[in-house]
Amino acid sequence: TGRDHHPHGFTVWLAGAGVKRGTIHGRTDELGFHAVENPHYVTDLHATVL
């Protein structure tokens, strides 16, 4: 994904296109290193947006 730090748990900010405000989807471990609930990949986001 081009990220050298925390590639398995990070934030994505979306705006417009009917995206619901204030939506939180998923959860990371206590250190924020890995997704532990509803994990997705960057390719999932690309497929949804495109």
Protein backbone atom coordinates (compact mmCIF):
# COMPACT_ATOMS: atom_id res chain seq x y z
CA THR A 1 0.00 0.00 0.00
CA GLY A 2 3.01 2.29 0.08
CA ARG A 3 2.91 2.69 3.86
CA ASP A 4 5.99 1.73 5.83
CA HIS A 5 4.36 2.13 9.24
CA HIS A 6 1.24 0.39 10.58
CA PRO A 7 0.09 -0.97 7.20
CA HIS A 8 -2.51 -3.24 8.87
CA GLY A 9 -4.38 -0.62 10.89
CA PHE A 10 -4.94 2.96 9.78
CA THR A 11 -7.55 5.66 9.32
CA VAL A 12 -9.28 6.62 6.09
CA TRP A 13 -11.20 9.88 5.82
CA LEU A 14 -13.96 10.04 3.18
CA ALA A 15 -16.15 12.95 2.14
CA GLY A 16 -18.95 13.43 -0.37
CA ALA A 17 -20.59 10.81 -2.58
CA GLY A 18 -23.28 10.10 0.00
CA VAL A 19 -20.87 8.87 2.70
CA LYS A 20 -22.62 8.90 6.09
CA ARG A 21 -21.18 11.38 8.61
CA GLY A 22 -19.47 10.10 11.75
CA THR A 23 -19.38 6.47 10.72
CA ILE A 24 -16.84 4.28 12.51
CA HIS A 25 -16.25 0.89 10.93
CA GLY A 26 -13.98 -1.68 12.51
CA ARG A 27 -11.53 -1.59 15.39
CA THR A 28 -7.77 -2.01 15.86
CA ASP A 29 -5.85 -3.66 18.66
CA GLU A 30 -4.85 -1.59 21.68
CA LEU A 31 -1.68 -0.38 19.92
CA GLY A 32 -3.40 0.37 16.60
CA PHE A 33 -1.22 -2.08 14.70
CA HIS A 34 -3.77 -4.59 13.39
CA ALA A 35 -7.47 -4.64 12.56
CA VAL A 36 -9.31 -6.90 14.99
CA GLU A 37 -12.91 -6.18 13.94
CA ASN A 38 -14.25 -5.86 10.36
CA PRO A 39 -10.83 -5.87 8.66
CA HIS A 40 -10.64 -4.57 5.09
CA TYR A 41 -7.87 -3.93 2.60
CA VAL A 42 -7.07 -0.83 0.57
CA THR A 43 -8.19 -2.74 -2.52
CA ASP A 44 -11.66 -3.08 -0.95
CA LEU A 45 -11.87 0.71 -0.69
CA HIS A 46 -10.67 1.14 -4.28
CA ALA A 47 -13.26 -1.33 -5.55
CA THR A 48 -16.02 0.50 -3.66
CA VAL A 49 -15.04 3.99 -4.80
CA LEU A 50 -14.36 3.08 -8.42
